[in-house]
Every structure is written in C-alpha cells, then in structure tokens.
Amino acid sequence: MNIRKNIILSFLIMGCMSIDAICQNISNSSELNVKKEKKKKKRKKYKLPEIDLSHWKVTTPAGDGTNPLEVEPPEILNYATNEDLKPYMYNDSTKGALVFYAYPSKATTQNTKYSRSELREQMEPRNNNVNWTFAQGGRMKGKLEIEEVSKDADGKYHKIIVMQIHGRLTNEQRDLIGQDDNNAPPMLKIYWKDGKVRVKTKVLKSLSVNNVEVLHEDAWTDDDGYTFKEEVGFGRFTIEVTVSDGKMVVCLNNNEYAVYEDVNISRWGVFENYFKAGNYFQTRDEGAFAKVKYYDLEVSH
C-alpha cells in the first residue's frame, strides 16, 4: 500500500509541476505580449513638416474686417502655439504636413477681394523692401496636396492659387510713376483647378511701351494660361519654379515643363520680386473653404 501511495503521490507532484510550468509559460507569454504592445506604442512618432519659416511671413483670413492678420519672423516660428494662427496654419502631425486653411472673409489684402492663408517670402526677416530680380535668379520647390475644397453652385471645385511670383516696385520706381504703394503685378500664378495644375503669367498689352510705362500695372495683362496634362487630383504633387535672367521654368512632378523665355520675361526684368506659397482662395461664395497641405517648401537664390 505504501508503494502505491508513493507512486500516486509522485504522479500528483509531477502533474502539479507540469501545470505550474504551463501556467508560468502562459504568464511569460502574456508579459511578453504586453511589452511588445508597449514598444509598438512607443514607436509611434509624430511627424512635423520640414519647412524653415525663418524667411516667411504669413497672411490669414483673420483680422478686423479691413486688414488681415499677418505674422512675421520670429513670431511665425511659434505658429503651433499661436492662438491667432492655429485656425489657419497648423500641423497635420500624422502626415507631417503644414496645413493652410482659408475661407472668404472681410479681411483681404490691398488690391484683391479674396482671402488667403499664404506665406510671403522675406529675404531679410521683417523687411519687405529686400527682394530679388530675375537677373539675380531664384528657385522655389514645394511638395503639397489639396486636402479638401468646397464646390460652387455648378458642382465644380473652387480654384486655389498655391504658388506665386509677385512683382514689387522699388521706392524710386513707385515715386517715379506717382503710385501710393509698392505693389506690382504677379508675374506668375500657379492654380489648382479641378484636379489639375494651371499656370498663368503676365504679358505686355503693347510691346512698344517705354521703360517708365512698363512699370504701370495696366501695361500688363494675363496670358491665355497653360494647364499641365497630368491630373494630380487630391494626391501629393511637386512644383518647382526656377527663374533666371530672361527665363522662367515651371516643372510639375519632375516630368512636365512650362518654359517662358520671350520679350515679356525680358521686360519683366525691371521689377523686383518675391515668392509666395500657400492657400490663396479664389472665391467669395458663402460657406466656401479650402485646405492645402505643404510637406516641403524650399527657396534659394
């Protein structure tokens, strides 16, 4: 009997040890899974756009009804915590993009009826008087996408200007033609329209204008425009603008090119210029809005 009891006791002890080992393995496996889940959560990183804003100021639809809100360097560098800017310029930390939101408001800039959340290049921070000429040259490249845009009464998407080269009179030119401000026409406007990228430039109404007459805005008009063949839709696309003495090139996705090299570009050389990028919304329809995302934006001279 004692032998039988010992055998039964041995089996019971071995069974308990096996169960304990199994339980221990389950426990270890559970702990391992928990640790893996924690590691996965820790690995999730927030992405930020790699855009240097130290040489840009921004204009937004906010303001007192006449003058829009503008923020210059260095304050613009704190846009993520600026309560006035947050509704119009903010990070999409999931995709790593800088979002520009615009809608029709009463706060518009001089000589336009449209609102914008748009960057304006400042070669010297806080100074609009330092700009560049085509002879000096310049390059702007951006990777962007249209996140969302409203439609008009006909069901067509509203237009957005996403990049510009804007002209500017020097103080001497302004005084020479008796103008109140330094504003000159935009030589280049790049639109997003119905999922495609469209380019419009300025051309002279008459090639016979002299060197003083050419400074007047009414000496210039829009060309017929050019629409790139590729449809970008609501996906990411890259635009690169390169200017040099008497020449301007606009490139879409390193594939399609629009080249401007004629007398109009040559005569434009009299103006100073600055780059613009963002969301210049082209409608005053009630309830309209647009969101433009920039992933990269770089400028060089």
C-alpha atoms as a PDB file:
ATOM      1  CA  MET A   1       0.000   0.000   0.000  1.00  0.00           C
ATOM      2  CA  ASN A   2       2.791   2.351   0.877  1.00  0.00           C
ATOM      3  CA  ILE A   3       4.357   1.694  -2.511  1.00  0.00           C
ATOM      4  CA  ARG A   4       1.076   2.520  -4.249  1.00  0.00           C
ATOM      5  CA  LYS A   5       0.696   5.708  -2.193  1.00  0.00           C
ATOM      6  CA  ASN A   6       4.206   6.791  -3.103  1.00  0.00           C
ATOM      7  CA  ILE A   7       3.578   6.171  -6.814  1.00  0.00           C
ATOM      8  CA  ILE A   8       0.292   8.106  -6.737  1.00  0.00           C
ATOM      9  CA  LEU A   9       1.957  10.931  -4.791  1.00  0.00           C
ATOM     10  CA  SER A  10       4.780  11.069  -7.339  1.00  0.00           C
ATOM     11  CA  PHE A  11       2.317  11.347 -10.229  1.00  0.00           C
ATOM     12  CA  LEU A  12       0.425  14.113  -8.419  1.00  0.00           C
ATOM     13  CA  ILE A  13       3.640  16.067  -7.805  1.00  0.00           C
ATOM     14  CA  MET A  14       4.713  15.687 -11.425  1.00  0.00           C
ATOM     15  CA  GLY A  15       1.258  16.794 -12.614  1.00  0.00           C
ATOM     16  CA  CYS A  16       1.346  19.900 -10.472  1.00  0.00           C
ATOM     17  CA  MET A  17       4.831  20.735 -11.705  1.00  0.00           C
ATOM     18  CA  SER A  18       3.666  20.399 -15.313  1.00  0.00           C
ATOM     19  CA  ILE A  19       0.633  22.588 -14.681  1.00  0.00           C
ATOM     20  CA  ASP A  20       2.821  25.135 -12.915  1.00  0.00           C
ATOM     21  CA  ALA A  21       5.234  25.142 -15.859  1.00  0.00           C
ATOM     22  CA  ILE A  22       2.366  25.633 -18.306  1.00  0.00           C
ATOM     23  CA  CYS A  23       0.946  28.475 -16.209  1.00  0.00           C
ATOM     24  CA  GLN A  24       4.401  30.036 -15.982  1.00  0.00           C
ATOM     25  CA  ASN A  25       4.771  29.858 -19.808  1.00  0.00           C
ATOM     26  CA  ILE A  26       1.358  31.457 -20.299  1.00  0.00           C
ATOM     27  CA  SER A  27       2.263  34.191 -17.810  1.00  0.00           C
ATOM     28  CA  ASN A  28       5.609  34.834 -19.515  1.00  0.00           C
ATOM     29  CA  SER A  29       3.913  34.906 -22.932  1.00  0.00           C
ATOM     30  CA  SER A  30       1.325  37.411 -21.705  1.00  0.00           C
ATOM     31  CA  GLU A  31       4.013  39.642 -20.227  1.00  0.00           C
ATOM     32  CA  LEU A  32       5.963  39.445 -23.487  1.00  0.00           C
ATOM     33  CA  ASN A  33       2.894  40.451 -25.497  1.00  0.00           C
ATOM     34  CA  VAL A  34       2.238  43.377 -23.163  1.00  0.00           C
ATOM     35  CA  LYS A  35       5.853  44.529 -23.571  1.00  0.00           C
ATOM     36  CA  LYS A  36       5.572  44.253 -27.362  1.00  0.00           C
ATOM     37  CA  GLU A  37       2.380  46.335 -27.339  1.00  0.00           C
ATOM     38  CA  LYS A  38       4.107  48.976 -25.215  1.00  0.00           C
ATOM     39  CA  LYS A  39       7.043  49.034 -27.634  1.00  0.00           C
ATOM     40  CA  LYS A  40       4.678  49.469 -30.573  1.00  0.00           C
ATOM     41  CA  LYS A  41       3.011  52.401 -28.838  1.00  0.00           C
ATOM     42  CA  LYS A  42       6.376  53.951 -28.041  1.00  0.00           C
ATOM     43  CA  ARG A  43       7.490  53.608 -31.660  1.00  0.00           C
ATOM     44  CA  LYS A  44       4.562  55.709 -32.883  1.00  0.00           C
ATOM     45  CA  LYS A  45       6.119  59.082 -33.676  1.00  0.00           C
ATOM     46  CA  TYR A  46       4.573  62.390 -34.614  1.00  0.00           C
ATOM     47  CA  LYS A  47       5.737  63.835 -37.905  1.00  0.00           C
ATOM     48  CA  LEU A  48       6.421  67.523 -38.395  1.00  0.00           C
ATOM     49  CA  PRO A  49       6.857  69.363 -41.702  1.00  0.00           C
ATOM     50  CA  GLU A  50      10.447  70.186 -42.566  1.00  0.00           C
ATOM     51  CA  ILE A  51       9.789  73.791 -43.563  1.00  0.00           C
ATOM     52  CA  ASP A  52      12.043  76.632 -42.468  1.00  0.00           C
ATOM     53  CA  LEU A  53       9.752  79.594 -41.730  1.00  0.00           C
ATOM     54  CA  SER A  54      12.506  81.995 -40.691  1.00  0.00           C
ATOM     55  CA  HIS A  55      12.248  83.863 -44.017  1.00  0.00           C
ATOM     56  CA  TRP A  56       8.462  83.861 -44.461  1.00  0.00           C
ATOM     57  CA  LYS A  57       5.593  85.911 -43.125  1.00  0.00           C
ATOM     58  CA  VAL A  58       2.010  84.656 -43.282  1.00  0.00           C
ATOM     59  CA  THR A  59      -1.268  86.401 -44.077  1.00  0.00           C
ATOM     60  CA  THR A  60      -4.525  84.845 -42.848  1.00  0.00           C
ATOM     61  CA  PRO A  61      -8.281  85.481 -43.265  1.00  0.00           C
ATOM     62  CA  ALA A  62      -8.417  86.736 -39.666  1.00  0.00           C
ATOM     63  CA  GLY A  63      -8.448  90.450 -38.957  1.00  0.00           C
ATOM     64  CA  ASP A  64     -10.516  93.464 -38.045  1.00  0.00           C
ATOM     65  CA  GLY A  65     -12.548  93.495 -41.250  1.00  0.00           C
ATOM     66  CA  THR A  66     -10.106  95.624 -43.241  1.00  0.00           C
ATOM     67  CA  ASN A  67      -6.582  94.471 -42.503  1.00  0.00           C
ATOM     68  CA  PRO A  68      -5.833  90.731 -42.402  1.00  0.00           C
ATOM     69  CA  LEU A  69      -3.769  89.201 -39.629  1.00  0.00           C
ATOM     70  CA  GLU A  70      -0.092  88.978 -40.608  1.00  0.00           C
ATOM     71  CA  VAL A  71       2.631  87.272 -38.580  1.00  0.00           C
ATOM     72  CA  GLU A  72       6.341  87.732 -39.324  1.00  0.00           C
ATOM     73  CA  PRO A  73       9.533  86.087 -38.097  1.00  0.00           C
ATOM     74  CA  PRO A  74      10.381  85.247 -35.380  1.00  0.00           C
ATOM     75  CA  GLU A  75       6.767  85.044 -34.107  1.00  0.00           C
ATOM     76  CA  ILE A  76       5.747  82.808 -37.006  1.00  0.00           C
ATOM     77  CA  LEU A  77       8.132  80.125 -35.727  1.00  0.00           C
ATOM     78  CA  ASN A  78       5.708  79.594 -32.826  1.00  0.00           C
ATOM     79  CA  TYR A  79       2.688  79.108 -35.086  1.00  0.00           C
ATOM     80  CA  ALA A  80       1.795  75.802 -33.408  1.00  0.00           C
ATOM     81  CA  THR A  81       1.082  77.591 -30.113  1.00  0.00           C
ATOM     82  CA  ASN A  82      -0.133  80.911 -31.529  1.00  0.00           C
ATOM     83  CA  GLU A  83      -3.860  81.065 -30.759  1.00  0.00           C
ATOM     84  CA  ASP A  84      -4.484  83.608 -33.542  1.00  0.00           C
ATOM     85  CA  LEU A  85      -2.777  81.437 -36.165  1.00  0.00           C
ATOM     86  CA  LYS A  86      -3.994  77.999 -35.075  1.00  0.00           C
ATOM     87  CA  PRO A  87      -7.258  78.057 -37.074  1.00  0.00           C
ATOM     88  CA  TYR A  88      -5.464  78.936 -40.328  1.00  0.00           C
ATOM     89  CA  MET A  89      -1.975  77.448 -40.135  1.00  0.00           C
ATOM     90  CA  TYR A  90      -1.380  74.238 -38.228  1.00  0.00           C
ATOM     91  CA  ASN A  91       0.383  70.867 -38.312  1.00  0.00           C
ATOM     92  CA  ASP A  92      -1.009  67.584 -39.543  1.00  0.00           C
ATOM     93  CA  SER A  93       1.276  65.539 -37.297  1.00  0.00           C
ATOM     94  CA  THR A  94       0.031  62.250 -38.749  1.00  0.00           C
ATOM     95  CA  LYS A  95       1.224  63.032 -42.262  1.00  0.00           C
ATOM     96  CA  GLY A  96       3.932  65.546 -41.432  1.00  0.00           C
ATOM     97  CA  ALA A  97       2.395  68.487 -43.268  1.00  0.00           C
ATOM     98  CA  LEU A  98       1.724  72.171 -42.680  1.00  0.00           C
ATOM     99  CA  VAL A  99      -1.955  72.933 -43.341  1.00  0.00           C
ATOM    100  CA  PHE A 100      -3.221  76.275 -44.670  1.00  0.00           C
ATOM    101  CA  TYR A 101      -6.956  76.861 -44.183  1.00  0.00           C
ATOM    102  CA  ALA A 102      -8.802  79.686 -45.922  1.00  0.00           C
ATOM    103  CA  TYR A 103     -12.353  80.875 -46.460  1.00  0.00           C
ATOM    104  CA  PRO A 104     -13.926  84.103 -47.756  1.00  0.00           C
ATOM    105  CA  SER A 105     -13.627  86.764 -45.060  1.00  0.00           C
ATOM    106  CA  LYS A 106     -13.788  90.547 -44.887  1.00  0.00           C
ATOM    107  CA  ALA A 107     -10.073  90.744 -44.136  1.00  0.00           C
ATOM    108  CA  THR A 108      -8.334  90.933 -47.517  1.00  0.00           C
ATOM    109  CA  THR A 109      -5.062  92.460 -48.666  1.00  0.00           C
ATOM    110  CA  GLN A 110      -4.845  95.570 -50.811  1.00  0.00           C
ATOM    111  CA  ASN A 111      -5.977  95.294 -54.452  1.00  0.00           C
ATOM    112  CA  THR A 112      -7.817  91.987 -54.033  1.00  0.00           C
ATOM    113  CA  LYS A 113     -11.232  90.755 -52.938  1.00  0.00           C
ATOM    114  CA  TYR A 114     -10.058  87.253 -51.990  1.00  0.00           C
ATOM    115  CA  SER A 115      -8.837  85.898 -48.655  1.00  0.00           C
ATOM    116  CA  ARG A 116      -5.744  83.801 -48.097  1.00  0.00           C
ATOM    117  CA  SER A 117      -3.615  81.784 -45.722  1.00  0.00           C
ATOM    118  CA  GLU A 118      -0.407  82.351 -47.616  1.00  0.00           C
ATOM    119  CA  LEU A 119       3.301  82.725 -46.976  1.00  0.00           C
ATOM    120  CA  ARG A 120       5.228  85.708 -48.336  1.00  0.00           C
ATOM    121  CA  GLU A 121       8.996  85.425 -48.771  1.00  0.00           C
ATOM    122  CA  GLN A 122      11.146  87.827 -46.773  1.00  0.00           C
ATOM    123  CA  MET A 123      14.792  87.596 -47.795  1.00  0.00           C
ATOM    124  CA  GLU A 124      15.544  89.719 -44.754  1.00  0.00           C
ATOM    125  CA  PRO A 125      13.129  88.817 -41.941  1.00  0.00           C
ATOM    126  CA  ARG A 126      10.581  91.543 -41.101  1.00  0.00           C
ATOM    127  CA  ASN A 127      11.638  93.573 -44.147  1.00  0.00           C
ATOM    128  CA  ASN A 128       9.546  93.699 -47.344  1.00  0.00           C
ATOM    129  CA  ASN A 129      11.972  96.076 -49.018  1.00  0.00           C
ATOM    130  CA  VAL A 130      14.645  93.441 -49.730  1.00  0.00           C
ATOM    131  CA  ASN A 131      13.662  91.391 -52.778  1.00  0.00           C
ATOM    132  CA  TRP A 132      15.230  89.865 -55.900  1.00  0.00           C
ATOM    133  CA  THR A 133      15.250  90.349 -59.662  1.00  0.00           C
ATOM    134  CA  PHE A 134      15.194  87.759 -62.427  1.00  0.00           C
ATOM    135  CA  ALA A 135      18.815  88.668 -63.179  1.00  0.00           C
ATOM    136  CA  GLN A 136      19.697  87.614 -59.634  1.00  0.00           C
ATOM    137  CA  GLY A 137      17.611  84.462 -60.063  1.00  0.00           C
ATOM    138  CA  GLY A 138      15.661  82.256 -57.694  1.00  0.00           C
ATOM    139  CA  ARG A 139      14.199  78.814 -57.145  1.00  0.00           C
ATOM    140  CA  MET A 140      11.185  77.612 -55.172  1.00  0.00           C
ATOM    141  CA  LYS A 141      10.187  73.971 -54.779  1.00  0.00           C
ATOM    142  CA  GLY A 142       7.258  72.584 -52.831  1.00  0.00           C
ATOM    143  CA  LYS A 143       5.585  69.238 -52.212  1.00  0.00           C
ATOM    144  CA  LEU A 144       1.897  69.690 -51.472  1.00  0.00           C
ATOM    145  CA  GLU A 145      -1.631  68.388 -51.811  1.00  0.00           C
ATOM    146  CA  ILE A 146      -5.156  69.723 -51.678  1.00  0.00           C
ATOM    147  CA  GLU A 147      -6.735  68.118 -48.628  1.00  0.00           C
ATOM    148  CA  GLU A 148     -10.222  69.489 -49.085  1.00  0.00           C
ATOM    149  CA  VAL A 149     -12.018  72.174 -51.105  1.00  0.00           C
ATOM    150  CA  SER A 150     -15.642  73.201 -51.481  1.00  0.00           C
ATOM    151  CA  LYS A 151     -17.692  73.270 -54.687  1.00  0.00           C
ATOM    152  CA  ASP A 152     -19.617  76.064 -56.401  1.00  0.00           C
ATOM    153  CA  ALA A 153     -23.298  76.075 -57.346  1.00  0.00           C
ATOM    154  CA  ASP A 154     -22.477  74.173 -60.546  1.00  0.00           C
ATOM    155  CA  GLY A 155     -20.742  71.388 -58.631  1.00  0.00           C
ATOM    156  CA  LYS A 156     -17.225  72.425 -59.658  1.00  0.00           C
ATOM    157  CA  TYR A 157     -14.380  72.719 -57.175  1.00  0.00           C
ATOM    158  CA  HIS A 158     -13.340  76.231 -56.237  1.00  0.00           C
ATOM    159  CA  LYS A 159      -9.945  77.404 -57.532  1.00  0.00           C
ATOM    160  CA  ILE A 160      -6.888  77.857 -55.328  1.00  0.00           C
ATOM    161  CA  ILE A 161      -3.626  79.660 -56.063  1.00  0.00           C
ATOM    162  CA  VAL A 162      -0.910  77.571 -54.392  1.00  0.00           C
ATOM    163  CA  MET A 163       2.226  79.448 -55.569  1.00  0.00           C
ATOM    164  CA  GLN A 164       3.116  82.881 -56.945  1.00  0.00           C
ATOM    165  CA  ILE A 165       5.914  85.135 -58.049  1.00  0.00           C
ATOM    166  CA  HIS A 166       4.774  88.619 -57.165  1.00  0.00           C
ATOM    167  CA  GLY A 167       6.272  91.795 -58.557  1.00  0.00           C
ATOM    168  CA  ARG A 168       7.223  94.813 -56.487  1.00  0.00           C
ATOM    169  CA  LEU A 169       8.227  98.370 -57.264  1.00  0.00           C
ATOM    170  CA  THR A 170      11.279  99.861 -55.640  1.00  0.00           C
ATOM    171  CA  ASN A 171      10.658 103.083 -53.738  1.00  0.00           C
ATOM    172  CA  GLU A 172      12.271 105.004 -56.612  1.00  0.00           C
ATOM    173  CA  GLN A 173      10.000 103.325 -59.195  1.00  0.00           C
ATOM    174  CA  ARG A 174       6.952 103.963 -57.021  1.00  0.00           C
ATOM    175  CA  ASP A 175       7.764 107.673 -56.773  1.00  0.00           C
ATOM    176  CA  LEU A 176       8.621 107.890 -60.481  1.00  0.00           C
ATOM    177  CA  ILE A 177       5.123 106.829 -61.567  1.00  0.00           C
ATOM    178  CA  GLY A 178       3.354 108.553 -58.680  1.00  0.00           C
ATOM    179  CA  GLN A 179       1.898 105.406 -57.133  1.00  0.00           C
ATOM    180  CA  ASP A 180       0.811 105.262 -53.484  1.00  0.00           C
ATOM    181  CA  ASP A 181       2.312 101.843 -52.766  1.00  0.00           C
ATOM    182  CA  ASN A 182       4.985  99.432 -53.995  1.00  0.00           C
ATOM    183  CA  ASN A 183       2.559  96.926 -55.462  1.00  0.00           C
ATOM    184  CA  ALA A 184       3.283  95.491 -58.917  1.00  0.00           C
ATOM    185  CA  PRO A 185       1.504  92.679 -60.784  1.00  0.00           C
ATOM    186  CA  PRO A 186       2.179  88.985 -60.069  1.00  0.00           C
ATOM    187  CA  MET A 187       4.290  87.574 -62.889  1.00  0.00           C
ATOM    188  CA  LEU A 188       3.313  84.000 -62.039  1.00  0.00           C
ATOM    189  CA  LYS A 189       0.213  82.379 -60.560  1.00  0.00           C
ATOM    190  CA  ILE A 190       0.001  78.597 -60.149  1.00  0.00           C
ATOM    191  CA  TYR A 191      -3.526  77.297 -59.644  1.00  0.00           C
ATOM    192  CA  TRP A 192      -5.086  74.041 -58.550  1.00  0.00           C
ATOM    193  CA  LYS A 193      -8.215  73.798 -60.674  1.00  0.00           C
ATOM    194  CA  ASP A 194     -10.487  70.734 -60.943  1.00  0.00           C
ATOM    195  CA  GLY A 195      -7.627  68.411 -60.031  1.00  0.00           C
ATOM    196  CA  LYS A 196      -5.087  69.868 -62.446  1.00  0.00           C
ATOM    197  CA  VAL A 197      -2.269  72.390 -62.167  1.00  0.00           C
ATOM    198  CA  ARG A 198      -2.676  75.527 -64.257  1.00  0.00           C
ATOM    199  CA  VAL A 199      -0.155  78.325 -64.845  1.00  0.00           C
ATOM    200  CA  LYS A 200      -0.877  81.947 -65.739  1.00  0.00           C
ATOM    201  CA  THR A 201       1.714  84.650 -66.394  1.00  0.00           C
ATOM    202  CA  LYS A 202       1.741  88.322 -67.330  1.00  0.00           C
ATOM    203  CA  VAL A 203       2.294  89.656 -70.852  1.00  0.00           C
ATOM    204  CA  LEU A 204       2.511  93.208 -72.132  1.00  0.00           C
ATOM    205  CA  LYS A 205      -0.534  94.693 -73.810  1.00  0.00           C
ATOM    206  CA  SER A 206       1.837  96.518 -76.151  1.00  0.00           C
ATOM    207  CA  LEU A 207       5.498  95.771 -76.751  1.00  0.00           C
ATOM    208  CA  SER A 208       6.111  99.426 -77.618  1.00  0.00           C
ATOM    209  CA  VAL A 209       5.809 100.687 -74.007  1.00  0.00           C
ATOM    210  CA  ASN A 210       8.835 102.604 -72.760  1.00  0.00           C
ATOM    211  CA  ASN A 211      10.825 101.919 -69.589  1.00  0.00           C
ATOM    212  CA  VAL A 212       8.557 104.106 -67.456  1.00  0.00           C
ATOM    213  CA  GLU A 213       5.216 102.961 -68.881  1.00  0.00           C
ATOM    214  CA  VAL A 214       6.204  99.334 -68.318  1.00  0.00           C
ATOM    215  CA  LEU A 215       6.119  99.982 -64.554  1.00  0.00           C
ATOM    216  CA  HIS A 216       2.366 100.611 -64.557  1.00  0.00           C
ATOM    217  CA  GLU A 217       0.134  97.659 -63.703  1.00  0.00           C
ATOM    218  CA  ASP A 218      -2.262  98.460 -66.536  1.00  0.00           C
ATOM    219  CA  ALA A 219       0.566  97.910 -69.052  1.00  0.00           C
ATOM    220  CA  TRP A 220       0.244  94.167 -68.311  1.00  0.00           C
ATOM    221  CA  THR A 221      -2.455  91.568 -68.757  1.00  0.00           C
ATOM    222  CA  ASP A 222      -2.844  87.818 -68.238  1.00  0.00           C
ATOM    223  CA  ASP A 223      -1.755  85.351 -70.890  1.00  0.00           C
ATOM    224  CA  ASP A 224      -4.054  82.528 -72.049  1.00  0.00           C
ATOM    225  CA  GLY A 225      -2.623  80.204 -69.428  1.00  0.00           C
ATOM    226  CA  TYR A 226      -1.280  76.672 -69.603  1.00  0.00           C
ATOM    227  CA  THR A 227      -2.684  73.531 -67.953  1.00  0.00           C
ATOM    228  CA  PHE A 228      -0.358  70.602 -67.266  1.00  0.00           C
ATOM    229  CA  LYS A 229      -1.543  67.299 -68.724  1.00  0.00           C
ATOM    230  CA  GLU A 230      -1.078  65.243 -65.570  1.00  0.00           C
ATOM    231  CA  GLU A 231      -4.053  65.145 -63.227  1.00  0.00           C
ATOM    232  CA  VAL A 232      -2.911  65.489 -59.623  1.00  0.00           C
ATOM    233  CA  GLY A 233      -6.371  65.339 -58.062  1.00  0.00           C
ATOM    234  CA  PHE A 234      -6.156  65.194 -54.281  1.00  0.00           C
ATOM    235  CA  GLY A 235      -2.797  63.424 -54.234  1.00  0.00           C
ATOM    236  CA  ARG A 236       0.649  64.816 -53.456  1.00  0.00           C
ATOM    237  CA  PHE A 237       2.492  66.654 -56.192  1.00  0.00           C
ATOM    238  CA  THR A 238       5.685  68.647 -56.571  1.00  0.00           C
ATOM    239  CA  ILE A 239       6.055  72.041 -58.211  1.00  0.00           C
ATOM    240  CA  GLU A 240       9.416  73.624 -58.915  1.00  0.00           C
ATOM    241  CA  VAL A 241       9.814  77.182 -60.194  1.00  0.00           C
ATOM    242  CA  THR A 242      13.181  78.379 -61.477  1.00  0.00           C
ATOM    243  CA  VAL A 243      13.889  81.886 -62.737  1.00  0.00           C
ATOM    244  CA  SER A 244      16.984  83.422 -64.283  1.00  0.00           C
ATOM    245  CA  ASP A 245      17.748  86.432 -66.445  1.00  0.00           C
ATOM    246  CA  GLY A 246      15.046  86.449 -69.143  1.00  0.00           C
ATOM    247  CA  LYS A 247      13.750  82.951 -68.375  1.00  0.00           C
ATOM    248  CA  MET A 248      11.178  81.218 -66.162  1.00  0.00           C
ATOM    249  CA  VAL A 249      10.548  77.456 -65.897  1.00  0.00           C
ATOM    250  CA  VAL A 250       7.706  75.735 -64.051  1.00  0.00           C
ATOM    251  CA  CYS A 251       8.007  71.964 -63.534  1.00  0.00           C
ATOM    252  CA  LEU A 252       5.353  69.518 -62.325  1.00  0.00           C
ATOM    253  CA  ASN A 253       6.492  66.281 -60.669  1.00  0.00           C
ATOM    254  CA  ASN A 254       9.907  66.413 -62.381  1.00  0.00           C
ATOM    255  CA  ASN A 255       8.125  65.386 -65.554  1.00  0.00           C
ATOM    256  CA  GLU A 256       6.254  68.207 -67.319  1.00  0.00           C
ATOM    257  CA  TYR A 257       7.689  71.645 -68.015  1.00  0.00           C
ATOM    258  CA  ALA A 258       6.303  75.042 -68.929  1.00  0.00           C
ATOM    259  CA  VAL A 259       9.102  77.285 -70.235  1.00  0.00           C
ATOM    260  CA  TYR A 260       8.809  81.052 -70.645  1.00  0.00           C
ATOM    261  CA  GLU A 261      11.617  82.794 -72.471  1.00  0.00           C
ATOM    262  CA  ASP A 262      10.420  85.742 -74.536  1.00  0.00           C
ATOM    263  CA  VAL A 263      10.253  89.526 -74.664  1.00  0.00           C
ATOM    264  CA  ASN A 264       7.665  89.653 -71.871  1.00  0.00           C
ATOM    265  CA  ILE A 265      10.014  87.910 -69.458  1.00  0.00           C
ATOM    266  CA  SER A 266      12.886  90.142 -70.577  1.00  0.00           C
ATOM    267  CA  ARG A 267      10.883  93.318 -69.984  1.00  0.00           C
ATOM    268  CA  TRP A 268       9.753  91.979 -66.618  1.00  0.00           C
ATOM    269  CA  GLY A 269      13.369  92.172 -65.502  1.00  0.00           C
ATOM    270  CA  VAL A 270      12.766  95.756 -64.395  1.00  0.00           C
ATOM    271  CA  PHE A 271      10.763  94.595 -61.363  1.00  0.00           C
ATOM    272  CA  GLU A 272      11.788  93.207 -58.012  1.00  0.00           C
ATOM    273  CA  ASN A 273      10.041  90.001 -56.949  1.00  0.00           C
ATOM    274  CA  TYR A 274       9.219  87.692 -54.060  1.00  0.00           C
ATOM    275  CA  PHE A 275       7.876  84.136 -53.821  1.00  0.00           C
ATOM    276  CA  LYS A 276       4.529  83.220 -52.274  1.00  0.00           C
ATOM    277  CA  ALA A 277       3.134  79.805 -51.293  1.00  0.00           C
ATOM    278  CA  GLY A 278       0.054  78.500 -49.516  1.00  0.00           C
ATOM    279  CA  ASN A 279      -3.686  78.871 -49.969  1.00  0.00           C
ATOM    280  CA  TYR A 280      -4.885  81.961 -51.848  1.00  0.00           C
ATOM    281  CA  PHE A 281      -8.580  81.078 -52.128  1.00  0.00           C
ATOM    282  CA  GLN A 282     -10.285  82.279 -55.319  1.00  0.00           C
ATOM    283  CA  THR A 283     -13.941  82.673 -54.377  1.00  0.00           C
ATOM    284  CA  ARG A 284     -16.286  84.677 -52.218  1.00  0.00           C
ATOM    285  CA  ASP A 285     -19.055  82.079 -52.234  1.00  0.00           C
ATOM    286  CA  GLU A 286     -20.759  81.818 -48.874  1.00  0.00           C
ATOM    287  CA  GLY A 287     -19.693  78.722 -46.951  1.00  0.00           C
ATOM    288  CA  ALA A 288     -16.726  78.030 -49.239  1.00  0.00           C
ATOM    289  CA  PHE A 289     -13.387  76.817 -47.823  1.00  0.00           C
ATOM    290  CA  ALA A 290     -10.158  75.074 -48.754  1.00  0.00           C
ATOM    291  CA  LYS A 291      -7.304  73.262 -47.005  1.00  0.00           C
ATOM    292  CA  VAL A 292      -3.864  72.998 -48.622  1.00  0.00           C
ATOM    293  CA  LYS A 293      -1.109  70.825 -47.158  1.00  0.00           C
ATOM    294  CA  TYR A 294       2.599  71.542 -47.669  1.00  0.00           C
ATOM    295  CA  TYR A 295       5.027  68.736 -46.879  1.00  0.00           C
ATOM    296  CA  ASP A 296       8.159  70.523 -48.091  1.00  0.00           C
ATOM    297  CA  LEU A 297       8.944  74.062 -49.160  1.00  0.00           C
ATOM    298  CA  GLU A 298      12.378  75.400 -50.004  1.00  0.00           C
ATOM    299  CA  VAL A 299      13.691  78.569 -51.616  1.00  0.00           C
ATOM    300  CA  SER A 300      17.156  79.527 -52.830  1.00  0.00           C
ATOM    301  CA  HIS A 301      18.792  82.466 -54.612  1.00  0.00           C
END
